[in-house]
Amino acid sequence: MNRYFTEVIDAHVAIANWLGKGTGEPQALLGRFQDDFCMIALNGSKLGFEELGAFFQAQRSAKPGLEIVIEEMTMVAEWATGAVVNYREKQTLPGQPATLRYSTVVFTQTAAGSRWLHLHETPITQ
């Protein structure tokens, strides 16, 4: 499997474990993201690296039973030092309807490996 596809899956396993079970190390989770990371969230708000870190700290174990499934991964573009990947994300919480979103991530390659540089999420209405 492509290294960027693997990173998308592995990151979402770590995020689900953190938000759903409170397991994992915050440094390892945040270490996936560049210091100048930027995310456009479902509600249109913009989060930088610091805001992402604060979100993860505040939301540890906040979504018991959270499951995240990644579907329809597509390589939009790939070059020697990065890539753009699009995927569909399905989040499920017990007793609640699933939420769906399309996400596009820009990766950069560093000496430490693949890092998330930019993420844009768009809700899918059902």
Protein backbone atom coordinates (compact mmCIF):
# COMPACT_ATOMS: atom_id res chain seq x y z
CA MET A 1 0.00 0.00 0.00
CA ASN A 2 1.18 3.54 -0.73
CA ARG A 3 2.94 5.15 2.27
CA TYR A 4 0.55 8.10 2.26
CA PHE A 5 -2.51 5.84 2.26
CA THR A 6 -0.97 3.92 5.14
CA GLU A 7 -0.43 7.17 7.04
CA VAL A 8 -4.06 8.24 6.55
CA ILE A 9 -5.26 4.92 8.00
CA ASP A 10 -2.71 4.82 10.84
CA ALA A 11 -3.43 8.43 11.85
CA HIS A 12 -7.17 7.78 12.04
CA VAL A 13 -6.63 4.66 14.16
CA ALA A 14 -4.55 6.79 16.55
CA ILE A 15 -7.17 9.57 16.55
CA ALA A 16 -10.02 7.10 17.21
CA ASN A 17 -8.03 5.52 20.05
CA TRP A 18 -7.28 8.93 21.57
CA LEU A 19 -10.77 10.39 21.28
CA GLY A 20 -12.65 7.15 21.95
CA LYS A 21 -10.51 5.36 24.51
CA GLY A 22 -8.01 7.93 25.72
CA THR A 23 -5.13 5.68 24.68
CA GLY A 24 -1.91 6.68 22.97
CA GLU A 25 0.72 9.31 23.53
CA PRO A 26 -0.08 12.94 22.73
CA GLN A 27 3.46 13.56 21.46
CA ALA A 28 3.18 10.66 19.00
CA LEU A 29 -0.23 11.84 17.82
CA LEU A 30 0.85 15.46 17.31
CA GLY A 31 4.17 14.33 15.84
CA ARG A 32 2.28 13.37 12.66
CA PHE A 33 1.61 17.05 11.94
CA GLN A 34 3.95 19.80 10.74
CA ASP A 35 4.45 22.78 13.05
CA ASP A 36 2.81 24.96 10.38
CA PHE A 37 -0.10 22.54 9.93
CA CYS A 38 -3.46 24.06 9.00
CA MET A 39 -6.88 22.43 9.00
CA ILE A 40 -10.19 23.65 7.66
CA ALA A 41 -12.76 21.88 9.84
CA LEU A 42 -16.29 20.78 8.96
CA ASN A 43 -17.75 24.03 10.28
CA GLY A 44 -15.35 26.12 8.21
CA SER A 45 -13.12 27.14 11.11
CA LYS A 46 -9.37 27.18 10.67
CA LEU A 47 -7.12 25.33 13.15
CA GLY A 48 -3.37 25.56 13.33
CA PHE A 49 -0.99 23.18 15.07
CA GLU A 50 -1.50 24.80 18.48
CA GLU A 51 -5.30 24.68 18.19
CA LEU A 52 -5.12 21.05 17.08
CA GLY A 53 -3.03 20.19 20.12
CA ALA A 54 -5.48 21.97 22.42
CA PHE A 55 -8.39 20.13 20.76
CA PHE A 56 -6.75 16.74 21.28
CA GLN A 57 -5.97 17.53 24.93
CA ALA A 58 -9.54 18.71 25.62
CA GLN A 59 -11.19 15.81 23.77
CA ARG A 60 -9.23 12.86 25.16
CA SER A 61 -11.76 10.04 25.81
CA ALA A 62 -14.62 12.41 24.93
CA LYS A 63 -16.17 10.08 22.33
CA PRO A 64 -16.47 6.60 23.88
CA GLY A 65 -16.98 3.93 21.25
CA LEU A 66 -15.83 6.12 18.36
CA GLU A 67 -15.11 4.21 15.17
CA ILE A 68 -13.52 5.81 12.12
CA VAL A 69 -13.55 4.09 8.74
CA ILE A 70 -11.55 5.42 5.78
CA GLU A 71 -12.96 4.71 2.33
CA GLU A 72 -12.38 5.72 -1.30
CA MET A 73 -8.77 6.87 -0.96
CA THR A 74 -7.46 8.52 -4.09
CA MET A 75 -4.00 9.83 -4.89
CA VAL A 76 -4.64 13.28 -6.34
CA ALA A 77 -0.94 14.03 -6.89
CA GLU A 78 2.40 12.71 -5.69
CA TRP A 79 5.91 14.10 -6.02
CA ALA A 80 9.31 13.39 -4.46
CA THR A 81 8.66 15.38 -1.27
CA GLY A 82 4.92 15.04 -0.76
CA ALA A 83 1.46 14.13 -1.96
CA VAL A 84 -2.21 15.11 -1.97
CA VAL A 85 -4.67 12.41 -0.92
CA ASN A 86 -8.47 12.54 -0.96
CA TYR A 87 -10.59 10.14 1.08
CA ARG A 88 -14.03 9.63 2.52
CA GLU A 89 -14.26 9.35 6.30
CA LYS A 90 -17.10 7.75 8.23
CA GLN A 91 -17.31 8.36 11.99
CA THR A 92 -19.69 6.33 14.12
CA LEU A 93 -20.64 6.70 17.77
CA PRO A 94 -22.89 4.20 19.57
CA GLY A 95 -26.57 5.11 19.25
CA GLN A 96 -25.95 7.99 16.84
CA PRO A 97 -26.13 8.28 13.07
CA ALA A 98 -22.80 8.15 11.27
CA THR A 99 -21.19 11.35 10.07
CA LEU A 100 -19.55 11.40 6.66
CA ARG A 101 -16.99 13.77 5.21
CA TYR A 102 -14.66 14.08 2.27
CA SER A 103 -11.17 15.07 3.30
CA THR A 104 -8.19 16.22 1.31
CA VAL A 105 -4.75 16.15 2.92
CA VAL A 106 -1.48 17.61 1.72
CA PHE A 107 1.54 15.68 2.95
CA THR A 108 5.13 16.80 3.10
CA GLN A 109 8.06 14.42 3.41
CA THR A 110 10.62 15.25 6.10
CA ALA A 111 13.66 13.46 7.49
CA ALA A 112 11.31 12.05 10.16
CA GLY A 113 8.82 10.75 7.55
CA SER A 114 5.46 11.80 6.14
CA ARG A 115 3.86 14.76 7.92
CA TRP A 116 0.40 16.32 7.57
CA LEU A 117 0.74 19.87 6.24
CA HIS A 118 -2.85 20.80 5.36
CA LEU A 119 -6.25 19.13 5.83
CA HIS A 120 -9.57 20.28 4.44
CA GLU A 121 -12.80 18.55 5.51
CA THR A 122 -16.16 18.86 3.77
CA PRO A 123 -19.34 17.37 5.29
CA ILE A 124 -21.42 14.93 3.27
CA THR A 125 -25.10 15.45 3.91
CA GLN A 126 -27.26 12.37 3.72
